């Protein structure tokens, strides 16, 4: 499983599988955010299946689906709230990691 560290407390990756949650926990992450809507691609695991694995591992989970290329102000606000509320470090994923990265950038700009 590959991920990209954006800051000390926030990393992003592409789609994860429920069986990769143990590796996420072992890497020291405390929370997981899913920014990928369900059924975006055939065969992708549902957010609920990942959430079940994340919570079974003792980590926090937040589902903030973002449509590719259509980040809304509400998405940015929800992600900012999650970053404030969840214990870090936080692992966020979508299809490629781009939405998670773009959300983070927009949050930083809005704090600007």
Foldseek 3Di string as FASTA:
>chain_A
DDWADPDPQEIEFAADDLVCLVVVVVVPFQEEEEQAQPPPDPPGDHLVSNCVSNVVVVHYYYYQHDDPPGDDPVSLVVVVVCVVPGDTSYYYYYHGRVVVVVSVVVNVVVVD
